[in-house]
Protein backbone atom coordinates (compact mmCIF):
# COMPACT_ATOMS: atom_id res chain seq x y z
CA MET A 1 12.35 -8.42 -18.76
CA GLY A 2 8.77 -7.22 -18.89
CA ARG A 3 6.34 -5.79 -16.48
CA ARG A 4 4.56 -8.18 -14.12
CA PRO A 5 0.78 -8.47 -14.28
CA ARG A 6 -1.14 -6.37 -11.79
CA VAL A 7 -2.25 -8.17 -8.63
CA ASP A 8 -5.16 -6.71 -6.69
CA ARG A 9 -4.45 -7.10 -3.00
CA THR A 10 -6.86 -6.63 -0.14
CA PRO A 11 -6.26 -3.85 2.37
CA GLU A 12 -5.34 -6.54 4.91
CA GLU A 13 -2.68 -7.99 2.59
CA LYS A 14 -1.24 -4.53 1.95
CA TRP A 15 -1.11 -3.80 5.67
CA GLN A 16 0.66 -7.10 6.39
CA ILE A 17 3.27 -6.37 3.71
CA VAL A 18 3.86 -2.86 5.07
CA GLN A 19 4.26 -4.22 8.60
CA GLU A 20 6.65 -6.92 7.40
CA GLY A 21 8.82 -4.33 5.64
CA ILE A 22 8.93 -2.08 8.69
CA LYS A 23 9.58 -4.87 11.20
CA SER A 24 12.27 -6.60 9.14
CA GLY A 25 14.07 -3.34 8.45
CA ASN A 26 14.81 -4.63 4.95
CA VAL A 27 12.26 -3.09 2.59
CA SER A 28 14.06 -4.26 -0.54
CA GLU A 29 13.94 -7.92 0.48
CA THR A 30 10.28 -7.66 1.51
CA CYS A 31 9.41 -6.08 -1.84
CA ARG A 32 11.26 -8.77 -3.80
CA ARG A 33 9.48 -11.49 -1.84
CA HIS A 34 6.06 -10.00 -2.65
CA GLY A 35 6.84 -8.85 -6.19
CA ILE A 36 6.26 -5.13 -5.62
CA SER A 37 8.42 -2.03 -5.92
CA PRO A 38 9.69 -0.20 -2.85
CA SER A 39 7.86 2.94 -3.99
CA LEU A 40 4.56 1.03 -3.87
CA LEU A 41 5.29 -0.20 -0.33
CA TYR A 42 6.04 3.36 0.80
CA ARG A 43 2.85 4.62 -0.88
CA TRP A 44 0.82 1.99 1.01
CA LYS A 45 2.61 3.01 4.22
CA ASP A 46 1.77 6.70 3.68
CA GLU A 47 -1.86 5.85 2.92
CA ALA A 48 -2.09 3.72 6.07
CA GLU A 49 -0.66 6.55 8.18
CA ALA A 50 -3.11 9.04 6.68
CA GLY A 51 -6.01 6.68 7.39
CA ALA A 52 -4.86 6.15 10.96
CA LYS A 53 -4.64 9.90 11.55
CA ALA A 54 -8.14 10.39 10.19
CA ALA A 55 -9.46 7.54 12.36
CA LEU A 56 -7.93 9.14 15.44
CA GLY A 57 -9.58 12.48 14.82
CA GLY A 58 -6.82 14.14 12.82
CA GLU A 59 -7.24 15.74 9.45
CA ALA A 60 -9.87 14.16 7.24
CA LEU A 61 -8.97 12.08 4.22
CA PRO A 62 -9.81 13.54 0.82
CA ARG A 63 -12.85 11.96 -0.80
CA ALA A 64 -12.03 9.20 -3.24
CA LYS A 65 -12.75 9.88 -6.88
CA PRO A 66 -15.37 7.55 -8.36
CA ARG A 67 -13.94 4.95 -10.73
CA ARG A 68 -15.27 4.60 -14.23
CA ILE A 69 -16.31 1.13 -15.21
CA SER A 70 -15.63 0.46 -18.85
CA ALA A 71 -18.03 -1.73 -20.73
């Protein structure tokens, strides 16, 4: 069994998946349904919480590193 191809999801899609996992209480089932690992869901959840804190005047988010575009 090989690795699945990478799927780029929008921030809105990620947020919906995180909410679904939290509301259902069954992260494993949510991850299977969307073809992601539980660790990825928890990473998205942590990133969403950090962004919410920054938006509400908490600690600032670290600056994103610029991505290199290969030719």
